């Protein structure tokens, strides 16, 4: 039982670290605009050597259509036609759907990391002999949290993949998913295996408990 939990803790630690790195970094996808390299993450997009917040350059004033903020004017002076072309692409899509897409992906990734962290805490406590509650064991609770983390990560990746392929894939001829996106898939596998390990530990513990004479 403890060997299963040890393997689960290892997978969970690796998965949680990868989740945090993938969520925080700016390399979910990369592409070329007019021959120049660009990349983006869940929080920022980078054109050349400059990075900007996802909501920094496009806004909507009350009672008006989409308009340009002063920050966008300064950014255009820095990056010229590259940022101008990027902005035009987002203007065609509209602020509302794009903002909902980013918010949903970020929220699910953060929830995934929180569930994985909670699972690690329960998993470490599972090395103690007594259960957390009388009817709910620590290995089982840890396994559920790891599976919940896997589910939230999968939802985030499904949203990001679908919108990226349907929106950006049609507008950029030379683009691909980058290493932050790949790390999130590896994190998904690690948290899933952590859940499997802890469920195996739970089943083994239950078999031992039932076979022990009272």
C-alpha atoms as a PDB file:
ATOM      1  CA  UNK A   1       0.000   0.000   0.000  1.00  0.00           C
ATOM      2  CA  UNK A   2       2.736   2.458   0.921  1.00  0.00           C
ATOM      3  CA  UNK A   3       4.603   1.792  -2.324  1.00  0.00           C
ATOM      4  CA  UNK A   4       1.479   2.816  -4.271  1.00  0.00           C
ATOM      5  CA  UNK A   5       1.136   5.971  -2.200  1.00  0.00           C
ATOM      6  CA  UNK A   6       4.817   6.785  -2.675  1.00  0.00           C
ATOM      7  CA  UNK A   7       4.428   6.511  -6.439  1.00  0.00           C
ATOM      8  CA  UNK A   8       1.279   8.619  -6.264  1.00  0.00           C
ATOM      9  CA  UNK A   9       3.005  11.352  -4.276  1.00  0.00           C
ATOM     10  CA  UNK A  10       5.867  11.450  -6.772  1.00  0.00           C
ATOM     11  CA  UNK A  11       3.502  11.734  -9.758  1.00  0.00           C
ATOM     12  CA  UNK A  12       1.425  14.351  -7.952  1.00  0.00           C
ATOM     13  CA  UNK A  13       4.449  16.519  -7.122  1.00  0.00           C
ATOM     14  CA  UNK A  14       5.673  16.410 -10.712  1.00  0.00           C
ATOM     15  CA  UNK A  15       2.180  17.073 -12.075  1.00  0.00           C
ATOM     16  CA  UNK A  16       1.565  20.030  -9.763  1.00  0.00           C
ATOM     17  CA  UNK A  17       4.895  21.648 -10.625  1.00  0.00           C
ATOM     18  CA  UNK A  18       4.182  21.221 -14.339  1.00  0.00           C
ATOM     19  CA  UNK A  19       0.687  22.682 -13.873  1.00  0.00           C
ATOM     20  CA  UNK A  20       2.063  25.806 -12.209  1.00  0.00           C
ATOM     21  CA  UNK A  21       4.795  26.235 -14.828  1.00  0.00           C
ATOM     22  CA  UNK A  22       2.378  25.707 -17.726  1.00  0.00           C
ATOM     23  CA  UNK A  23      -0.167  28.149 -16.293  1.00  0.00           C
ATOM     24  CA  UNK A  24       2.371  30.883 -15.601  1.00  0.00           C
ATOM     25  CA  UNK A  25       4.480  30.775 -18.780  1.00  0.00           C
ATOM     26  CA  UNK A  26       3.831  32.444 -22.142  1.00  0.00           C
ATOM     27  CA  UNK A  27       4.525  29.613 -24.585  1.00  0.00           C
ATOM     28  CA  UNK A  28       1.216  27.873 -25.174  1.00  0.00           C
ATOM     29  CA  UNK A  29       1.450  28.568 -28.885  1.00  0.00           C
ATOM     30  CA  UNK A  30       3.897  30.241 -31.237  1.00  0.00           C
ATOM     31  CA  UNK A  31       3.514  31.630 -34.747  1.00  0.00           C
ATOM     32  CA  UNK A  32       4.953  34.052 -37.237  1.00  0.00           C
ATOM     33  CA  UNK A  33       3.548  37.455 -38.135  1.00  0.00           C
ATOM     34  CA  UNK A  34       5.048  39.000 -41.271  1.00  0.00           C
ATOM     35  CA  UNK A  35       8.143  36.864 -40.807  1.00  0.00           C
ATOM     36  CA  UNK A  36       8.674  37.742 -37.133  1.00  0.00           C
ATOM     37  CA  UNK A  37       8.411  35.268 -34.251  1.00  0.00           C
ATOM     38  CA  UNK A  38       5.573  35.667 -31.714  1.00  0.00           C
ATOM     39  CA  UNK A  39       4.176  33.537 -28.896  1.00  0.00           C
ATOM     40  CA  UNK A  40       1.432  33.685 -26.281  1.00  0.00           C
ATOM     41  CA  UNK A  41       0.314  32.156 -22.997  1.00  0.00           C
ATOM     42  CA  UNK A  42      -2.787  32.397 -20.844  1.00  0.00           C
ATOM     43  CA  UNK A  43      -1.906  35.835 -19.478  1.00  0.00           C
ATOM     44  CA  UNK A  44       0.305  37.591 -22.037  1.00  0.00           C
ATOM     45  CA  UNK A  45       1.223  37.596 -25.712  1.00  0.00           C
ATOM     46  CA  UNK A  46       4.681  38.522 -26.944  1.00  0.00           C
ATOM     47  CA  UNK A  47       5.540  40.130 -30.282  1.00  0.00           C
ATOM     48  CA  UNK A  48       9.234  40.354 -30.907  1.00  0.00           C
ATOM     49  CA  UNK A  49      10.903  41.296 -27.635  1.00  0.00           C
ATOM     50  CA  UNK A  50       7.838  42.988 -26.076  1.00  0.00           C
ATOM     51  CA  UNK A  51       5.097  41.281 -24.076  1.00  0.00           C
ATOM     52  CA  UNK A  52       1.595  42.625 -23.375  1.00  0.00           C
ATOM     53  CA  UNK A  53      -1.337  41.526 -21.254  1.00  0.00           C
ATOM     54  CA  UNK A  54      -4.071  39.673 -23.127  1.00  0.00           C
ATOM     55  CA  UNK A  55      -6.617  42.417 -22.301  1.00  0.00           C
ATOM     56  CA  UNK A  56      -4.208  45.337 -22.555  1.00  0.00           C
ATOM     57  CA  UNK A  57      -4.706  46.453 -26.121  1.00  0.00           C
ATOM     58  CA  UNK A  58      -8.414  45.925 -26.818  1.00  0.00           C
ATOM     59  CA  UNK A  59     -11.279  47.482 -24.902  1.00  0.00           C
ATOM     60  CA  UNK A  60     -14.860  48.593 -25.218  1.00  0.00           C
ATOM     61  CA  UNK A  61     -16.137  51.892 -23.871  1.00  0.00           C
ATOM     62  CA  UNK A  62     -19.718  52.192 -22.619  1.00  0.00           C
ATOM     63  CA  UNK A  63     -22.059  52.974 -25.505  1.00  0.00           C
ATOM     64  CA  UNK A  64     -19.323  52.564 -28.101  1.00  0.00           C
ATOM     65  CA  UNK A  65     -17.849  49.822 -30.219  1.00  0.00           C
ATOM     66  CA  UNK A  66     -14.418  48.374 -29.786  1.00  0.00           C
ATOM     67  CA  UNK A  67     -11.803  51.076 -29.605  1.00  0.00           C
ATOM     68  CA  UNK A  68      -8.054  51.460 -29.124  1.00  0.00           C
ATOM     69  CA  UNK A  69      -6.604  52.274 -25.724  1.00  0.00           C
ATOM     70  CA  UNK A  70      -3.644  54.636 -25.357  1.00  0.00           C
ATOM     71  CA  UNK A  71      -1.569  51.595 -24.416  1.00  0.00           C
ATOM     72  CA  UNK A  72      -2.279  50.153 -27.830  1.00  0.00           C
ATOM     73  CA  UNK A  73      -1.065  53.321 -29.517  1.00  0.00           C
ATOM     74  CA  UNK A  74       2.202  53.156 -27.608  1.00  0.00           C
ATOM     75  CA  UNK A  75       2.520  49.450 -28.386  1.00  0.00           C
ATOM     76  CA  UNK A  76       1.955  50.038 -32.069  1.00  0.00           C
ATOM     77  CA  UNK A  77       4.738  52.579 -32.058  1.00  0.00           C
ATOM     78  CA  UNK A  78       7.007  49.942 -30.567  1.00  0.00           C
ATOM     79  CA  UNK A  79       6.058  47.004 -32.743  1.00  0.00           C
ATOM     80  CA  UNK A  80       4.650  48.688 -35.853  1.00  0.00           C
ATOM     81  CA  UNK A  81       2.528  46.656 -38.212  1.00  0.00           C
ATOM     82  CA  UNK A  82       2.977  43.392 -36.261  1.00  0.00           C
ATOM     83  CA  UNK A  83       0.903  44.511 -33.271  1.00  0.00           C
ATOM     84  CA  UNK A  84      -1.491  46.345 -35.559  1.00  0.00           C
ATOM     85  CA  UNK A  85      -2.194  43.144 -37.466  1.00  0.00           C
ATOM     86  CA  UNK A  86      -2.618  41.143 -34.240  1.00  0.00           C
ATOM     87  CA  UNK A  87      -5.097  43.717 -32.922  1.00  0.00           C
ATOM     88  CA  UNK A  88      -7.110  43.643 -36.122  1.00  0.00           C
ATOM     89  CA  UNK A  89      -7.473  39.879 -35.826  1.00  0.00           C
ATOM     90  CA  UNK A  90      -8.821  40.171 -32.277  1.00  0.00           C
ATOM     91  CA  UNK A  91     -11.097  43.031 -33.255  1.00  0.00           C
ATOM     92  CA  UNK A  92     -12.772  40.792 -35.818  1.00  0.00           C
ATOM     93  CA  UNK A  93     -13.457  38.147 -33.191  1.00  0.00           C
ATOM     94  CA  UNK A  94     -14.802  40.569 -30.569  1.00  0.00           C
ATOM     95  CA  UNK A  95     -13.794  41.162 -26.981  1.00  0.00           C
ATOM     96  CA  UNK A  96     -16.533  39.184 -25.232  1.00  0.00           C
ATOM     97  CA  UNK A  97     -15.953  35.688 -26.686  1.00  0.00           C
ATOM     98  CA  UNK A  98     -12.171  36.072 -26.518  1.00  0.00           C
ATOM     99  CA  UNK A  99     -12.272  37.222 -22.891  1.00  0.00           C
ATOM    100  CA  UNK A 100     -14.577  34.348 -21.908  1.00  0.00           C
ATOM    101  CA  UNK A 101     -12.225  31.911 -23.615  1.00  0.00           C
ATOM    102  CA  UNK A 102      -9.191  33.170 -21.702  1.00  0.00           C
ATOM    103  CA  UNK A 103     -11.054  33.326 -18.384  1.00  0.00           C
ATOM    104  CA  UNK A 104     -12.397  29.784 -18.701  1.00  0.00           C
ATOM    105  CA  UNK A 105      -8.986  28.330 -19.557  1.00  0.00           C
ATOM    106  CA  UNK A 106      -7.275  30.193 -16.713  1.00  0.00           C
ATOM    107  CA  UNK A 107      -9.961  29.240 -14.189  1.00  0.00           C
ATOM    108  CA  UNK A 108      -9.818  25.532 -15.002  1.00  0.00           C
ATOM    109  CA  UNK A 109      -6.008  25.493 -14.875  1.00  0.00           C
ATOM    110  CA  UNK A 110      -5.999  27.222 -11.475  1.00  0.00           C
ATOM    111  CA  UNK A 111      -8.657  24.827 -10.152  1.00  0.00           C
ATOM    112  CA  UNK A 112      -6.607  21.915 -11.426  1.00  0.00           C
ATOM    113  CA  UNK A 113      -3.506  23.135  -9.580  1.00  0.00           C
ATOM    114  CA  UNK A 114      -5.512  23.706  -6.374  1.00  0.00           C
ATOM    115  CA  UNK A 115      -7.020  20.217  -6.490  1.00  0.00           C
ATOM    116  CA  UNK A 116      -3.612  18.682  -7.095  1.00  0.00           C
ATOM    117  CA  UNK A 117      -2.165  20.602  -4.142  1.00  0.00           C
ATOM    118  CA  UNK A 118      -5.040  19.458  -1.903  1.00  0.00           C
ATOM    119  CA  UNK A 119      -4.481  15.898  -3.073  1.00  0.00           C
ATOM    120  CA  UNK A 120      -0.800  16.109  -2.149  1.00  0.00           C
ATOM    121  CA  UNK A 121      -1.687  17.281   1.373  1.00  0.00           C
ATOM    122  CA  UNK A 122      -4.188  14.445   1.799  1.00  0.00           C
ATOM    123  CA  UNK A 123      -1.723  12.027   0.257  1.00  0.00           C
ATOM    124  CA  UNK A 124       0.989  12.933   2.745  1.00  0.00           C
ATOM    125  CA  UNK A 125      -1.487  12.616   5.612  1.00  0.00           C
ATOM    126  CA  UNK A 126      -2.488   9.208   4.252  1.00  0.00           C
ATOM    127  CA  UNK A 127       0.788   7.782   5.517  1.00  0.00           C
ATOM    128  CA  UNK A 128      -0.722   8.085   9.006  1.00  0.00           C
ATOM    129  CA  UNK A 129      -2.669   5.038  10.137  1.00  0.00           C
ATOM    130  CA  UNK A 130      -5.982   6.633  11.077  1.00  0.00           C
ATOM    131  CA  UNK A 131      -8.465   7.877   8.449  1.00  0.00           C
ATOM    132  CA  UNK A 132      -9.402  11.519   8.203  1.00  0.00           C
ATOM    133  CA  UNK A 133     -13.070  10.702   8.745  1.00  0.00           C
ATOM    134  CA  UNK A 134     -14.726   7.551   9.986  1.00  0.00           C
ATOM    135  CA  UNK A 135     -16.196   6.703   6.585  1.00  0.00           C
ATOM    136  CA  UNK A 136     -13.766   8.404   4.197  1.00  0.00           C
ATOM    137  CA  UNK A 137     -10.127   7.314   4.075  1.00  0.00           C
ATOM    138  CA  UNK A 138      -7.270   9.593   3.196  1.00  0.00           C
ATOM    139  CA  UNK A 139      -6.013   7.553   0.200  1.00  0.00           C
ATOM    140  CA  UNK A 140      -9.503   7.608  -1.312  1.00  0.00           C
ATOM    141  CA  UNK A 141      -9.845  11.372  -0.730  1.00  0.00           C
ATOM    142  CA  UNK A 142      -6.428  12.016  -2.270  1.00  0.00           C
ATOM    143  CA  UNK A 143      -7.327   9.917  -5.309  1.00  0.00           C
ATOM    144  CA  UNK A 144     -10.557  11.854  -5.815  1.00  0.00           C
ATOM    145  CA  UNK A 145      -8.688  15.170  -5.670  1.00  0.00           C
ATOM    146  CA  UNK A 146      -6.147  13.978  -8.242  1.00  0.00           C
ATOM    147  CA  UNK A 147      -8.919  12.843 -10.576  1.00  0.00           C
ATOM    148  CA  UNK A 148     -10.654  16.205 -10.113  1.00  0.00           C
ATOM    149  CA  UNK A 149      -7.382  17.935 -11.011  1.00  0.00           C
ATOM    150  CA  UNK A 150      -7.138  15.780 -14.134  1.00  0.00           C
ATOM    151  CA  UNK A 151     -10.700  16.665 -15.126  1.00  0.00           C
ATOM    152  CA  UNK A 152     -10.182  20.430 -14.711  1.00  0.00           C
ATOM    153  CA  UNK A 153      -6.933  20.256 -16.668  1.00  0.00           C
ATOM    154  CA  UNK A 154      -8.660  18.321 -19.448  1.00  0.00           C
ATOM    155  CA  UNK A 155     -11.459  20.918 -19.631  1.00  0.00           C
ATOM    156  CA  UNK A 156      -8.914  23.751 -19.876  1.00  0.00           C
ATOM    157  CA  UNK A 157      -7.000  21.978 -22.636  1.00  0.00           C
ATOM    158  CA  UNK A 158     -10.184  21.138 -24.525  1.00  0.00           C
ATOM    159  CA  UNK A 159     -11.317  24.782 -24.482  1.00  0.00           C
ATOM    160  CA  UNK A 160      -7.901  26.132 -25.426  1.00  0.00           C
ATOM    161  CA  UNK A 161      -7.337  23.575 -28.186  1.00  0.00           C
ATOM    162  CA  UNK A 162     -10.772  24.003 -29.724  1.00  0.00           C
ATOM    163  CA  UNK A 163     -10.741  27.793 -29.794  1.00  0.00           C
ATOM    164  CA  UNK A 164      -7.118  28.010 -30.899  1.00  0.00           C
ATOM    165  CA  UNK A 165      -7.567  25.621 -33.797  1.00  0.00           C
ATOM    166  CA  UNK A 166     -10.858  27.156 -34.944  1.00  0.00           C
ATOM    167  CA  UNK A 167      -9.792  30.795 -34.514  1.00  0.00           C
ATOM    168  CA  UNK A 168      -6.030  31.232 -34.776  1.00  0.00           C
ATOM    169  CA  UNK A 169      -5.518  28.205 -36.997  1.00  0.00           C
ATOM    170  CA  UNK A 170      -7.523  29.888 -39.735  1.00  0.00           C
ATOM    171  CA  UNK A 171      -5.647  33.184 -39.454  1.00  0.00           C
ATOM    172  CA  UNK A 172      -2.020  32.157 -39.135  1.00  0.00           C
ATOM    173  CA  UNK A 173      -0.517  29.859 -41.726  1.00  0.00           C
ATOM    174  CA  UNK A 174       2.625  29.077 -39.744  1.00  0.00           C
ATOM    175  CA  UNK A 175       1.745  28.271 -36.131  1.00  0.00           C
ATOM    176  CA  UNK A 176       2.045  25.416 -33.640  1.00  0.00           C
ATOM    177  CA  UNK A 177       1.438  24.605 -29.997  1.00  0.00           C
ATOM    178  CA  UNK A 178       4.473  25.259 -27.826  1.00  0.00           C
ATOM    179  CA  UNK A 179       6.096  23.763 -24.731  1.00  0.00           C
ATOM    180  CA  UNK A 180       3.779  25.264 -22.086  1.00  0.00           C
ATOM    181  CA  UNK A 181       0.851  23.546 -23.802  1.00  0.00           C
ATOM    182  CA  UNK A 182       2.778  20.270 -23.909  1.00  0.00           C
ATOM    183  CA  UNK A 183       3.654  20.560 -20.212  1.00  0.00           C
ATOM    184  CA  UNK A 184      -0.024  20.840 -19.347  1.00  0.00           C
ATOM    185  CA  UNK A 185      -0.708  17.522 -21.131  1.00  0.00           C
ATOM    186  CA  UNK A 186       2.162  15.870 -19.263  1.00  0.00           C
ATOM    187  CA  UNK A 187       0.754  17.282 -16.004  1.00  0.00           C
ATOM    188  CA  UNK A 188      -2.625  15.769 -16.883  1.00  0.00           C
ATOM    189  CA  UNK A 189      -1.054  12.327 -17.243  1.00  0.00           C
ATOM    190  CA  UNK A 190       0.883  12.684 -13.997  1.00  0.00           C
ATOM    191  CA  UNK A 191      -2.150  13.657 -11.904  1.00  0.00           C
ATOM    192  CA  UNK A 192      -4.182  10.880 -13.529  1.00  0.00           C
ATOM    193  CA  UNK A 193      -1.580   8.259 -12.595  1.00  0.00           C
ATOM    194  CA  UNK A 194      -1.371   9.757  -9.105  1.00  0.00           C
ATOM    195  CA  UNK A 195      -5.105   9.160  -8.750  1.00  0.00           C
ATOM    196  CA  UNK A 196      -4.714   5.581 -10.014  1.00  0.00           C
ATOM    197  CA  UNK A 197      -1.947   4.879  -7.513  1.00  0.00           C
ATOM    198  CA  UNK A 198      -3.965   6.201  -4.597  1.00  0.00           C
ATOM    199  CA  UNK A 199      -7.074   4.280  -5.596  1.00  0.00           C
ATOM    200  CA  UNK A 200      -4.961   1.116  -5.720  1.00  0.00           C
ATOM    201  CA  UNK A 201      -3.616   1.949  -2.270  1.00  0.00           C
ATOM    202  CA  UNK A 202      -7.184   2.464  -1.034  1.00  0.00           C
ATOM    203  CA  UNK A 203      -8.336  -0.885  -2.419  1.00  0.00           C
ATOM    204  CA  UNK A 204      -5.359  -2.646  -0.883  1.00  0.00           C
ATOM    205  CA  UNK A 205      -6.034  -0.984   2.460  1.00  0.00           C
ATOM    206  CA  UNK A 206      -9.688  -2.060   2.332  1.00  0.00           C
ATOM    207  CA  UNK A 207      -8.734  -5.647   1.514  1.00  0.00           C
ATOM    208  CA  UNK A 208      -6.309  -5.729   4.419  1.00  0.00           C
ATOM    209  CA  UNK A 209      -8.881  -4.232   6.762  1.00  0.00           C
ATOM    210  CA  UNK A 210     -11.582  -6.722   5.793  1.00  0.00           C
ATOM    211  CA  UNK A 211      -9.241  -9.703   6.035  1.00  0.00           C
ATOM    212  CA  UNK A 212      -8.025  -8.728   9.498  1.00  0.00           C
ATOM    213  CA  UNK A 213      -9.912 -10.680  12.187  1.00  0.00           C
ATOM    214  CA  UNK A 214     -11.703  -8.562  14.759  1.00  0.00           C
END
